[in-house]
PDB file of N, CA and C in Angstrom:
ATOM      1  N   MET A   1      38.004 -21.854 -73.511  1.00  0.00           N
ATOM      2  CA  MET A   1      39.094 -20.913 -73.729  1.00  0.00           C
ATOM      3  C   MET A   1      39.590 -20.417 -72.373  1.00  0.00           C
ATOM      4  N   LYS A   2      40.891 -20.345 -72.214  1.00  0.00           N
ATOM      5  CA  LYS A   2      41.475 -19.854 -70.969  1.00  0.00           C
ATOM      6  C   LYS A   2      41.338 -18.337 -70.882  1.00  0.00           C
ATOM      7  N   ALA A   3      41.226 -17.825 -69.664  1.00  0.00           N
ATOM      8  CA  ALA A   3      40.991 -16.393 -69.441  1.00  0.00           C
ATOM      9  C   ALA A   3      42.093 -15.522 -70.024  1.00  0.00           C
ATOM     10  N   ASP A   4      43.346 -16.007 -70.019  1.00  0.00           N
ATOM     11  CA  ASP A   4      44.455 -15.181 -70.501  1.00  0.00           C
ATOM     12  C   ASP A   4      44.855 -15.495 -71.940  1.00  0.00           C
ATOM     13  N   GLU A   5      44.131 -16.396 -72.584  1.00  0.00           N
ATOM     14  CA  GLU A   5      44.424 -16.764 -73.966  1.00  0.00           C
ATOM     15  C   GLU A   5      44.033 -15.629 -74.914  1.00  0.00           C
ATOM     16  N   LEU A   6      44.880 -15.369 -75.928  1.00  0.00           N
ATOM     17  CA  LEU A   6      44.609 -14.309 -76.891  1.00  0.00           C
ATOM     18  C   LEU A   6      43.362 -14.645 -77.696  1.00  0.00           C
ATOM     19  N   ALA A   7      42.471 -13.661 -77.803  1.00  0.00           N
ATOM     20  CA  ALA A   7      41.212 -13.837 -78.520  1.00  0.00           C
ATOM     21  C   ALA A   7      40.920 -12.570 -79.307  1.00  0.00           C
ATOM     22  N   ARG A   8      39.883 -12.643 -80.141  1.00  0.00           N
ATOM     23  CA  ARG A   8      39.484 -11.503 -80.979  1.00  0.00           C
ATOM     24  C   ARG A   8      37.968 -11.468 -81.057  1.00  0.00           C
ATOM     25  N   THR A   9      37.405 -10.272 -80.971  1.00  0.00           N
ATOM     26  CA  THR A   9      35.965 -10.109 -81.107  1.00  0.00           C
ATOM     27  C   THR A   9      35.659  -8.987 -82.090  1.00  0.00           C
ATOM     28  N   HIS A  10      34.554  -9.133 -82.766  1.00  0.00           N
ATOM     29  CA  HIS A  10      34.059  -8.152 -83.736  1.00  0.00           C
ATOM     30  C   HIS A  10      32.651  -7.778 -83.265  1.00  0.00           C
ATOM     31  N   ILE A  11      32.455  -6.505 -82.934  1.00  0.00           N
ATOM     32  CA  ILE A  11      31.180  -6.058 -82.372  1.00  0.00           C
ATOM     33  C   ILE A  11      30.572  -4.994 -83.278  1.00  0.00           C
ATOM     34  N   ARG A  12      29.275  -5.129 -83.531  1.00  0.00           N
ATOM     35  CA  ARG A  12      28.515  -4.111 -84.262  1.00  0.00           C
ATOM     36  C   ARG A  12      27.394  -3.630 -83.352  1.00  0.00           C
ATOM     37  N   VAL A  13      27.401  -2.333 -83.076  1.00  0.00           N
ATOM     38  CA  VAL A  13      26.427  -1.733 -82.173  1.00  0.00           C
ATOM     39  C   VAL A  13      25.554  -0.788 -82.976  1.00  0.00           C
ATOM     40  N   THR A  14      24.236  -0.904 -82.815  1.00  0.00           N
ATOM     41  CA  THR A  14      23.312   0.010 -83.480  1.00  0.00           C
ATOM     42  C   THR A  14      22.492   0.746 -82.429  1.00  0.00           C
ATOM     43  N   GLY A  15      22.051   1.938 -82.798  1.00  0.00           N
ATOM     44  CA  GLY A  15      21.249   2.771 -81.914  1.00  0.00           C
ATOM     45  C   GLY A  15      21.661   4.223 -82.060  1.00  0.00           C
ATOM     46  N   ARG A  16      21.511   4.988 -80.994  1.00  0.00           N
ATOM     47  CA  ARG A  16      21.974   6.379 -81.007  1.00  0.00           C
ATOM     48  C   ARG A  16      23.440   6.354 -80.596  1.00  0.00           C
ATOM     49  N   VAL A  17      24.294   6.209 -81.593  1.00  0.00           N
ATOM     50  CA  VAL A  17      25.729   6.032 -81.342  1.00  0.00           C
ATOM     51  C   VAL A  17      26.574   7.072 -82.080  1.00  0.00           C
ATOM     52  N   GLN A  18      25.924   8.012 -82.744  1.00  0.00           N
ATOM     53  CA  GLN A  18      26.635   9.077 -83.447  1.00  0.00           C
ATOM     54  C   GLN A  18      26.474  10.376 -82.665  1.00  0.00           C
ATOM     55  N   GLY A  19      27.534  11.140 -82.565  1.00  0.00           N
ATOM     56  CA  GLY A  19      27.467  12.434 -81.909  1.00  0.00           C
ATOM     57  C   GLY A  19      27.374  12.375 -80.395  1.00  0.00           C
ATOM     58  N   VAL A  20      27.698  11.223 -79.817  1.00  0.00           N
ATOM     59  CA  VAL A  20      27.632  11.068 -78.359  1.00  0.00           C
ATOM     60  C   VAL A  20      28.975  10.616 -77.778  1.00  0.00           C
ATOM     61  N   GLY A  21      30.031  10.675 -78.578  1.00  0.00           N
ATOM     62  CA  GLY A  21      31.356  10.271 -78.103  1.00  0.00           C
ATOM     63  C   GLY A  21      31.555   8.768 -78.018  1.00  0.00           C
ATOM     64  N   PHE A  22      30.778   8.028 -78.798  1.00  0.00           N
ATOM     65  CA  PHE A  22      30.826   6.568 -78.718  1.00  0.00           C
ATOM     66  C   PHE A  22      32.193   6.019 -79.125  1.00  0.00           C
ATOM     67  N   ARG A  23      32.743   6.502 -80.224  1.00  0.00           N
ATOM     68  CA  ARG A  23      34.050   5.982 -80.667  1.00  0.00           C
ATOM     69  C   ARG A  23      35.145   6.269 -79.658  1.00  0.00           C
ATOM     70  N   ALA A  24      35.174   7.477 -79.119  1.00  0.00           N
ATOM     71  CA  ALA A  24      36.180   7.823 -78.108  1.00  0.00           C
ATOM     72  C   ALA A  24      35.997   6.953 -76.865  1.00  0.00           C
ATOM     73  N   PHE A  25      34.747   6.714 -76.485  1.00  0.00           N
ATOM     74  CA  PHE A  25      34.437   5.861 -75.338  1.00  0.00           C
ATOM     75  C   PHE A  25      34.979   4.449 -75.557  1.00  0.00           C
ATOM     76  N   VAL A  26      34.746   3.896 -76.750  1.00  0.00           N
ATOM     77  CA  VAL A  26      35.216   2.544 -77.074  1.00  0.00           C
ATOM     78  C   VAL A  26      36.740   2.501 -77.090  1.00  0.00           C
ATOM     79  N   GLN A  27      37.366   3.513 -77.684  1.00  0.00           N
ATOM     80  CA  GLN A  27      38.830   3.552 -77.719  1.00  0.00           C
ATOM     81  C   GLN A  27      39.407   3.601 -76.302  1.00  0.00           C
ATOM     82  N   GLN A  28      38.839   4.434 -75.458  1.00  0.00           N
ATOM     83  CA  GLN A  28      39.314   4.539 -74.074  1.00  0.00           C
ATOM     84  C   GLN A  28      39.128   3.223 -73.331  1.00  0.00           C
ATOM     85  N   ALA A  29      37.998   2.560 -73.539  1.00  0.00           N
ATOM     86  CA  ALA A  29      37.752   1.269 -72.883  1.00  0.00           C
ATOM     87  C   ALA A  29      38.745   0.225 -73.370  1.00  0.00           C
ATOM     88  N   GLY A  30      38.954   0.172 -74.684  1.00  0.00           N
ATOM     89  CA  GLY A  30      39.907  -0.787 -75.232  1.00  0.00           C
ATOM     90  C   GLY A  30      41.303  -0.588 -74.674  1.00  0.00           C
ATOM     91  N   THR A  31      41.725   0.653 -74.607  1.00  0.00           N
ATOM     92  CA  THR A  31      43.052   0.971 -74.070  1.00  0.00           C
ATOM     93  C   THR A  31      43.119   0.618 -72.583  1.00  0.00           C
ATOM     94  N   ALA A  32      42.079   0.961 -71.830  1.00  0.00           N
ATOM     95  CA  ALA A  32      42.055   0.677 -70.389  1.00  0.00           C
ATOM     96  C   ALA A  32      42.120  -0.824 -70.106  1.00  0.00           C
ATOM     97  N   PHE A  33      41.537  -1.634 -70.973  1.00  0.00           N
ATOM     98  CA  PHE A  33      41.540  -3.087 -70.779  1.00  0.00           C
ATOM     99  C   PHE A  33      42.771  -3.753 -71.407  1.00  0.00           C
ATOM    100  N   GLY A  34      43.681  -2.944 -71.940  1.00  0.00           N
ATOM    101  CA  GLY A  34      44.912  -3.496 -72.516  1.00  0.00           C
ATOM    102  C   GLY A  34      44.691  -4.206 -73.838  1.00  0.00           C
ATOM    103  N   LEU A  35      43.675  -3.787 -74.576  1.00  0.00           N
ATOM    104  CA  LEU A  35      43.341  -4.410 -75.854  1.00  0.00           C
ATOM    105  C   LEU A  35      43.937  -3.622 -77.002  1.00  0.00           C
ATOM    106  N   SER A  36      43.983  -4.241 -78.161  1.00  0.00           N
ATOM    107  CA  SER A  36      44.367  -3.547 -79.387  1.00  0.00           C
ATOM    108  C   SER A  36      43.254  -3.760 -80.397  1.00  0.00           C
ATOM    109  N   GLY A  37      43.181  -2.864 -81.387  1.00  0.00           N
ATOM    110  CA  GLY A  37      42.142  -2.986 -82.398  1.00  0.00           C
ATOM    111  C   GLY A  37      41.719  -1.635 -82.911  1.00  0.00           C
ATOM    112  N   TRP A  38      40.458  -1.519 -83.306  1.00  0.00           N
ATOM    113  CA  TRP A  38      39.951  -0.267 -83.864  1.00  0.00           C
ATOM    114  C   TRP A  38      38.444  -0.148 -83.661  1.00  0.00           C
ATOM    115  N   VAL A  39      37.968   1.074 -83.851  1.00  0.00           N
ATOM    116  CA  VAL A  39      36.543   1.380 -83.809  1.00  0.00           C
ATOM    117  C   VAL A  39      36.266   2.398 -84.918  1.00  0.00           C
ATOM    118  N   ARG A  40      35.081   2.309 -85.548  1.00  0.00           N
ATOM    119  CA  ARG A  40      34.699   3.280 -86.581  1.00  0.00           C
ATOM    120  C   ARG A  40      33.183   3.364 -86.685  1.00  0.00           C
ATOM    121  N   ASN A  41      32.715   4.497 -87.213  1.00  0.00           N
ATOM    122  CA  ASN A  41      31.302   4.680 -87.524  1.00  0.00           C
ATOM    123  C   ASN A  41      30.990   3.958 -88.825  1.00  0.00           C
ATOM    124  N   VAL A  42      29.795   3.375 -88.879  1.00  0.00           N
ATOM    125  CA  VAL A  42      29.308   2.740 -90.103  1.00  0.00           C
ATOM    126  C   VAL A  42      27.887   3.252 -90.310  1.00  0.00           C
ATOM    127  N   GLY A  43      27.679   4.032 -91.343  1.00  0.00           N
ATOM    128  CA  GLY A  43      26.354   4.593 -91.559  1.00  0.00           C
ATOM    129  C   GLY A  43      26.040   5.626 -90.493  1.00  0.00           C
ATOM    130  N   TYR A  44      24.747   5.899 -90.292  1.00  0.00           N
ATOM    131  CA  TYR A  44      24.377   6.950 -89.342  1.00  0.00           C
ATOM    132  C   TYR A  44      24.010   6.408 -87.962  1.00  0.00           C
ATOM    133  N   ASP A  45      23.813   5.086 -87.837  1.00  0.00           N
ATOM    134  CA  ASP A  45      23.365   4.558 -86.546  1.00  0.00           C
ATOM    135  C   ASP A  45      24.120   3.311 -86.096  1.00  0.00           C
ATOM    136  N   GLN A  46      25.331   3.112 -86.627  1.00  0.00           N
ATOM    137  CA  GLN A  46      26.077   1.906 -86.276  1.00  0.00           C
ATOM    138  C   GLN A  46      27.548   2.217 -86.046  1.00  0.00           C
ATOM    139  N   VAL A  47      28.109   1.566 -85.037  1.00  0.00           N
ATOM    140  CA  VAL A  47      29.536   1.616 -84.758  1.00  0.00           C
ATOM    141  C   VAL A  47      30.043   0.185 -84.791  1.00  0.00           C
ATOM    142  N   GLU A  48      31.202   0.010 -85.388  1.00  0.00           N
ATOM    143  CA  GLU A  48      31.817  -1.304 -85.519  1.00  0.00           C
ATOM    144  C   GLU A  48      33.178  -1.267 -84.835  1.00  0.00           C
ATOM    145  N   THR A  49      33.511  -2.326 -84.112  1.00  0.00           N
ATOM    146  CA  THR A  49      34.816  -2.409 -83.467  1.00  0.00           C
ATOM    147  C   THR A  49      35.356  -3.830 -83.534  1.00  0.00           C
ATOM    148  N   VAL A  50      36.660  -3.921 -83.698  1.00  0.00           N
ATOM    149  CA  VAL A  50      37.383  -5.187 -83.648  1.00  0.00           C
ATOM    150  C   VAL A  50      38.438  -5.033 -82.560  1.00  0.00           C
ATOM    151  N   ALA A  51      38.506  -6.005 -81.666  1.00  0.00           N
ATOM    152  CA  ALA A  51      39.455  -5.911 -80.560  1.00  0.00           C
ATOM    153  C   ALA A  51      40.120  -7.254 -80.325  1.00  0.00           C
ATOM    154  N   GLU A  52      41.388  -7.201 -79.935  1.00  0.00           N
ATOM    155  CA  GLU A  52      42.143  -8.392 -79.570  1.00  0.00           C
ATOM    156  C   GLU A  52      42.762  -8.201 -78.202  1.00  0.00           C
ATOM    157  N   GLY A  53      42.843  -9.288 -77.472  1.00  0.00           N
ATOM    158  CA  GLY A  53      43.455  -9.280 -76.150  1.00  0.00           C
ATOM    159  C   GLY A  53      43.067 -10.541 -75.419  1.00  0.00           C
ATOM    160  N   SER A  54      43.218 -10.525 -74.106  1.00  0.00           N
ATOM    161  CA  SER A  54      42.859 -11.713 -73.340  1.00  0.00           C
ATOM    162  C   SER A  54      41.344 -11.906 -73.378  1.00  0.00           C
ATOM    163  N   HIS A  55      40.932 -13.145 -73.360  1.00  0.00           N
ATOM    164  CA  HIS A  55      39.514 -13.473 -73.403  1.00  0.00           C
ATOM    165  C   HIS A  55      38.767 -12.798 -72.257  1.00  0.00           C
ATOM    166  N   GLN A  56      39.343 -12.806 -71.077  1.00  0.00           N
ATOM    167  CA  GLN A  56      38.714 -12.192 -69.906  1.00  0.00           C
ATOM    168  C   GLN A  56      38.497 -10.693 -70.117  1.00  0.00           C
ATOM    169  N   MET A  57      39.500  -9.994 -70.639  1.00  0.00           N
ATOM    170  CA  MET A  57      39.363  -8.550 -70.865  1.00  0.00           C
ATOM    171  C   MET A  57      38.363  -8.271 -71.978  1.00  0.00           C
ATOM    172  N   LEU A  58      38.323  -9.124 -72.988  1.00  0.00           N
ATOM    173  CA  LEU A  58      37.358  -8.938 -74.074  1.00  0.00           C
ATOM    174  C   LEU A  58      35.922  -9.097 -73.571  1.00  0.00           C
ATOM    175  N   LEU A  59      35.696 -10.021 -72.649  1.00  0.00           N
ATOM    176  CA  LEU A  59      34.356 -10.175 -72.085  1.00  0.00           C
ATOM    177  C   LEU A  59      33.937  -8.899 -71.359  1.00  0.00           C
ATOM    178  N   ARG A  60      34.834  -8.293 -70.614  1.00  0.00           N
ATOM    179  CA  ARG A  60      34.538  -7.032 -69.926  1.00  0.00           C
ATOM    180  C   ARG A  60      34.303  -5.911 -70.931  1.00  0.00           C
ATOM    181  N   PHE A  61      35.138  -5.880 -71.994  1.00  0.00           N
ATOM    182  CA  PHE A  61      35.019  -4.879 -73.051  1.00  0.00           C
ATOM    183  C   PHE A  61      33.652  -4.978 -73.733  1.00  0.00           C
ATOM    184  N   ILE A  62      33.232  -6.179 -74.059  1.00  0.00           N
ATOM    185  CA  ILE A  62      31.932  -6.393 -74.709  1.00  0.00           C
ATOM    186  C   ILE A  62      30.812  -5.847 -73.830  1.00  0.00           C
ATOM    187  N   GLU A  63      30.891  -6.096 -72.541  1.00  0.00           N
ATOM    188  CA  GLU A  63      29.880  -5.603 -71.607  1.00  0.00           C
ATOM    189  C   GLU A  63      29.809  -4.079 -71.611  1.00  0.00           C
ATOM    190  N   VAL A  64      30.971  -3.433 -71.579  1.00  0.00           N
ATOM    191  CA  VAL A  64      31.034  -1.967 -71.559  1.00  0.00           C
ATOM    192  C   VAL A  64      30.536  -1.381 -72.879  1.00  0.00           C
ATOM    193  N   VAL A  65      30.996  -1.930 -73.996  1.00  0.00           N
ATOM    194  CA  VAL A  65      30.593  -1.429 -75.315  1.00  0.00           C
ATOM    195  C   VAL A  65      29.092  -1.623 -75.517  1.00  0.00           C
ATOM    196  N   SER A  66      28.551  -2.707 -75.013  1.00  0.00           N
ATOM    197  CA  SER A  66      27.117  -2.984 -75.173  1.00  0.00           C
ATOM    198  C   SER A  66      26.242  -1.993 -74.414  1.00  0.00           C
ATOM    199  N   ARG A  67      26.794  -1.328 -73.410  1.00  0.00           N
ATOM    200  CA  ARG A  67      26.068  -0.284 -72.675  1.00  0.00           C
ATOM    201  C   ARG A  67      26.295   1.081 -73.305  1.00  0.00           C
ATOM    202  N   GLY A  68      27.535   1.355 -73.733  1.00  0.00           N
ATOM    203  CA  GLY A  68      27.870   2.638 -74.335  1.00  0.00           C
ATOM    204  C   GLY A  68      28.031   3.737 -73.308  1.00  0.00           C
ATOM    205  N   PRO A  69      28.432   4.924 -73.778  1.00  0.00           N
ATOM    206  CA  PRO A  69      28.615   6.068 -72.878  1.00  0.00           C
ATOM    207  C   PRO A  69      27.276   6.706 -72.524  1.00  0.00           C
ATOM    208  N   GLN A  70      27.306   7.562 -71.519  1.00  0.00           N
ATOM    209  CA  GLN A  70      26.112   8.324 -71.166  1.00  0.00           C
ATOM    210  C   GLN A  70      25.709   9.157 -72.377  1.00  0.00           C
ATOM    211  N   GLY A  71      24.450   9.198 -72.677  1.00  0.00           N
ATOM    212  CA  GLY A  71      23.964   9.950 -73.828  1.00  0.00           C
ATOM    213  C   GLY A  71      23.731   9.075 -75.050  1.00  0.00           C
ATOM    214  N   ALA A  72      24.297   7.884 -75.045  1.00  0.00           N
ATOM    215  CA  ALA A  72      24.089   6.944 -76.151  1.00  0.00           C
ATOM    216  C   ALA A  72      22.886   6.057 -75.825  1.00  0.00           C
ATOM    217  N   ARG A  73      22.365   5.428 -76.859  1.00  0.00           N
ATOM    218  CA  ARG A  73      21.321   4.424 -76.679  1.00  0.00           C
ATOM    219  C   ARG A  73      21.686   3.228 -77.548  1.00  0.00           C
ATOM    220  N   VAL A  74      21.995   2.127 -76.937  1.00  0.00           N
ATOM    221  CA  VAL A  74      22.344   0.918 -77.680  1.00  0.00           C
ATOM    222  C   VAL A  74      21.079   0.096 -77.859  1.00  0.00           C
ATOM    223  N   ASP A  75      20.653  -0.046 -79.109  1.00  0.00           N
ATOM    224  CA  ASP A  75      19.477  -0.857 -79.417  1.00  0.00           C
ATOM    225  C   ASP A  75      19.851  -2.320 -79.601  1.00  0.00           C
ATOM    226  N   GLU A  76      21.034  -2.553 -80.163  1.00  0.00           N
ATOM    227  CA  GLU A  76      21.490  -3.923 -80.415  1.00  0.00           C
ATOM    228  C   GLU A  76      23.010  -3.946 -80.454  1.00  0.00           C
ATOM    229  N   ALA A  77      23.582  -5.000 -79.888  1.00  0.00           N
ATOM    230  CA  ALA A  77      25.024  -5.227 -79.952  1.00  0.00           C
ATOM    231  C   ALA A  77      25.223  -6.665 -80.407  1.00  0.00           C
ATOM    232  N   HIS A  78      25.795  -6.817 -81.588  1.00  0.00           N
ATOM    233  CA  HIS A  78      26.032  -8.145 -82.167  1.00  0.00           C
ATOM    234  C   HIS A  78      27.525  -8.456 -82.050  1.00  0.00           C
ATOM    235  N   THR A  79      27.852  -9.551 -81.396  1.00  0.00           N
ATOM    236  CA  THR A  79      29.249  -9.927 -81.155  1.00  0.00           C
ATOM    237  C   THR A  79      29.572 -11.234 -81.855  1.00  0.00           C
ATOM    238  N   GLU A  80      30.719 -11.257 -82.521  1.00  0.00           N
ATOM    239  CA  GLU A  80      31.237 -12.475 -83.146  1.00  0.00           C
ATOM    240  C   GLU A  80      32.649 -12.702 -82.631  1.00  0.00           C
ATOM    241  N   TRP A  81      32.982 -13.945 -82.350  1.00  0.00           N
ATOM    242  CA  TRP A  81      34.347 -14.301 -81.981  1.00  0.00           C
ATOM    243  C   TRP A  81      35.088 -14.717 -83.243  1.00  0.00           C
ATOM    244  N   GLU A  82      36.315 -14.249 -83.384  1.00  0.00           N
ATOM    245  CA  GLU A  82      37.137 -14.546 -84.549  1.00  0.00           C
ATOM    246  C   GLU A  82      38.505 -15.031 -84.086  1.00  0.00           C
ATOM    247  N   SER A  83      39.285 -15.536 -85.010  1.00  0.00           N
ATOM    248  CA  SER A  83      40.645 -15.959 -84.685  1.00  0.00           C
ATOM    249  C   SER A  83      41.542 -14.731 -84.590  1.00  0.00           C
ATOM    250  N   PRO A  84      42.341 -14.613 -83.529  1.00  0.00           N
ATOM    251  CA  PRO A  84      43.231 -13.458 -83.391  1.00  0.00           C
ATOM    252  C   PRO A  84      44.339 -13.491 -84.436  1.00  0.00           C
ATOM    253  N   THR A  85      44.760 -12.313 -84.881  1.00  0.00           N
ATOM    254  CA  THR A  85      45.821 -12.214 -85.889  1.00  0.00           C
ATOM    255  C   THR A  85      47.073 -11.529 -85.355  1.00  0.00           C
ATOM    256  N   GLY A  86      46.934 -10.763 -84.266  1.00  0.00           N
ATOM    257  CA  GLY A  86      48.072 -10.036 -83.722  1.00  0.00           C
ATOM    258  C   GLY A  86      48.497  -8.859 -84.582  1.00  0.00           C
ATOM    259  N   GLU A  87      47.613  -8.382 -85.453  1.00  0.00           N
ATOM    260  CA  GLU A  87      47.971  -7.337 -86.420  1.00  0.00           C
ATOM    261  C   GLU A  87      47.967  -5.926 -85.853  1.00  0.00           C
ATOM    262  N   PHE A  88      47.365  -5.715 -84.674  1.00  0.00           N
ATOM    263  CA  PHE A  88      47.220  -4.367 -84.132  1.00  0.00           C
ATOM    264  C   PHE A  88      48.266  -4.082 -83.067  1.00  0.00           C
ATOM    265  N   ARG A  89      48.717  -2.833 -83.018  1.00  0.00           N
ATOM    266  CA  ARG A  89      49.682  -2.413 -82.007  1.00  0.00           C
ATOM    267  C   ARG A  89      49.018  -1.599 -80.896  1.00  0.00           C
ATOM    268  N   GLU A  90      47.908  -0.962 -81.218  1.00  0.00           N
ATOM    269  CA  GLU A  90      47.205  -0.099 -80.267  1.00  0.00           C
ATOM    270  C   GLU A  90      45.720  -0.153 -80.567  1.00  0.00           C
ATOM    271  N   PHE A  91      44.952   0.631 -79.826  1.00  0.00           N
ATOM    272  CA  PHE A  91      43.523   0.726 -80.084  1.00  0.00           C
ATOM    273  C   PHE A  91      43.263   2.074 -80.731  1.00  0.00           C
ATOM    274  N   ALA A  92      42.788   2.088 -81.969  1.00  0.00           N
ATOM    275  CA  ALA A  92      42.683   3.320 -82.745  1.00  0.00           C
ATOM    276  C   ALA A  92      41.246   3.579 -83.215  1.00  0.00           C
ATOM    277  N   VAL A  93      40.973   4.842 -83.485  1.00  0.00           N
ATOM    278  CA  VAL A  93      39.734   5.235 -84.138  1.00  0.00           C
ATOM    279  C   VAL A  93      40.016   5.299 -85.633  1.00  0.00           C
ATOM    280  N   LYS A  94      39.266   4.523 -86.427  1.00  0.00           N
ATOM    281  CA  LYS A  94      39.429   4.530 -87.873  1.00  0.00           C
ATOM    282  C   LYS A  94      38.432   5.495 -88.500  1.00  0.00           C
ATOM    283  N   HIS A  95      38.723   5.905 -89.735  1.00  0.00           N
ATOM    284  CA  HIS A  95      37.801   6.760 -90.481  1.00  0.00           C
ATOM    285  C   HIS A  95      36.510   6.012 -90.749  1.00  0.00           C
ATOM    286  N   SER A  96      35.425   6.730 -90.766  1.00  0.00           N
ATOM    287  CA  SER A  96      34.102   6.146 -91.004  1.00  0.00           C
ATOM    288  C   SER A  96      33.993   5.597 -92.414  1.00  0.00           C
ATOM    289  N   LEU A  97      33.095   4.657 -92.585  1.00  0.00           N
ATOM    290  CA  LEU A  97      32.803   4.110 -93.919  1.00  0.00           C
ATOM    291  C   LEU A  97      31.885   5.055 -94.661  1.00  0.00           C
TER     292      LEU A  97
END
């Protein structure tokens, strides 16, 4: 895949990710990397995010999300590559499941 080719990733992060600003951190990172998509809480110890953008920026995004903000503890980050749809206009925080 070329570095500037449009790509999509789906990341599920588990650990201490609630009450530490994790969603805001992910949204800020996505916006800073020029990505579009969303982030939301799932259950009490998981955050899920879908992002689209250049493959190169998504690789950087995955690295940042896998570390999380200060105060968080990431126990596991599971990443899947998906086909991009172009459905997002911005990077948003969605309501929790």
